[in-house]
Protein backbone atom coordinates (compact mmCIF):
# COMPACT_ATOMS: atom_id res chain seq x y z
CA MET A 1 -41.29 21.33 -5.08
CA ASN A 2 -39.87 24.82 -5.28
CA ILE A 3 -42.27 27.75 -4.80
CA ILE A 4 -41.60 31.11 -6.31
CA GLU A 5 -43.74 34.29 -5.33
CA PHE A 6 -44.01 36.61 -8.10
CA GLU A 7 -45.46 40.17 -7.78
CA LEU A 8 -47.43 41.52 -10.62
CA ARG A 9 -46.71 44.98 -11.89
CA GLY A 10 -50.10 45.39 -13.57
CA ALA A 11 -53.53 43.49 -13.54
CA PHE A 12 -52.13 40.41 -15.46
CA ILE A 13 -49.11 38.79 -16.98
CA PRO A 14 -49.20 36.53 -19.97
CA LEU A 15 -48.21 32.94 -19.25
CA ASP A 16 -45.22 32.78 -21.64
CA ALA A 17 -43.75 36.16 -20.13
CA LEU A 18 -44.12 34.83 -16.63
CA LEU A 19 -42.15 31.73 -17.44
CA LYS A 20 -39.48 33.92 -19.01
CA ALA A 21 -39.50 36.44 -16.19
CA THR A 22 -39.09 33.71 -13.52
CA GLY A 23 -36.26 32.13 -15.24
CA LEU A 24 -38.14 28.80 -15.77
CA ALA A 25 -37.67 29.26 -19.60
CA PRO A 26 -34.56 30.87 -21.07
CA SER A 27 -36.47 32.64 -23.90
CA GLY A 28 -40.04 33.37 -25.04
CA GLY A 29 -39.84 30.62 -27.56
CA ALA A 30 -38.81 28.08 -25.07
CA ALA A 31 -41.67 29.22 -22.93
CA LYS A 32 -44.27 28.81 -25.65
CA ALA A 33 -42.71 25.34 -26.49
CA LEU A 34 -43.11 24.26 -22.76
CA VAL A 35 -46.67 25.32 -22.68
CA ALA A 36 -47.45 23.67 -26.05
CA ALA A 37 -45.82 20.45 -24.73
CA GLY A 38 -48.36 20.23 -21.82
CA GLY A 39 -45.90 21.12 -19.25
CA VAL A 40 -47.85 23.82 -17.38
CA GLN A 41 -50.90 23.81 -15.14
CA VAL A 42 -52.72 26.87 -13.97
CA ASP A 43 -54.82 26.34 -10.75
CA GLY A 44 -54.45 22.53 -11.20
CA GLN A 45 -55.69 22.59 -14.86
CA LEU A 46 -53.67 21.87 -17.97
CA GLU A 47 -53.03 25.20 -19.76
CA LEU A 48 -52.26 25.09 -23.54
CA ARG A 49 -52.88 28.84 -24.15
CA LYS A 50 -49.36 30.29 -24.40
CA THR A 51 -50.52 33.97 -23.74
CA ALA A 52 -53.20 33.07 -21.11
CA LYS A 53 -53.73 36.18 -18.89
CA LEU A 54 -52.71 35.26 -15.20
CA ARG A 55 -53.87 37.43 -12.37
CA ALA A 56 -53.09 37.68 -8.63
CA GLY A 57 -54.04 34.67 -6.70
CA GLN A 58 -53.44 32.11 -9.25
CA VAL A 59 -50.96 29.27 -8.97
CA VAL A 60 -48.94 28.06 -11.98
CA GLN A 61 -47.16 24.69 -11.85
CA VAL A 62 -44.32 23.81 -14.17
CA ASN A 63 -43.64 20.07 -14.52
CA GLN A 64 -39.98 20.09 -15.37
CA ALA A 65 -36.84 19.23 -13.39
CA GLY A 66 -38.60 18.24 -10.20
CA GLY A 67 -41.34 20.74 -10.60
CA CYS A 68 -41.94 24.28 -9.61
CA ALA A 69 -44.84 26.39 -8.56
CA ILE A 70 -45.37 30.14 -9.02
CA ARG A 71 -47.76 32.00 -6.76
CA LEU A 72 -48.90 35.24 -8.29
CA LEU A 73 -49.22 38.24 -5.87
CA ALA A 74 -51.02 41.52 -6.32
CA GLY A 75 -48.54 44.25 -6.86
CA SER A 76 -48.08 47.18 -4.41
CA SER A 77 -49.55 50.16 -6.47
């Protein structure tokens, strides 16, 4: 499983924006479709809220093409 470390620029990032920013979804619409299809887990729990606010310390797992995990890190501000 590939692990991506993503540094936040603010207090949170919406789930669909994170998927697009990391390149796991080519567009916002594709990111929303991926979430709606049940292809995303946050901290081990299925997440169906497309714009769920994600914060530092959380781990997002995407169950496509072998799987990928995104670890959210606090920004250096």
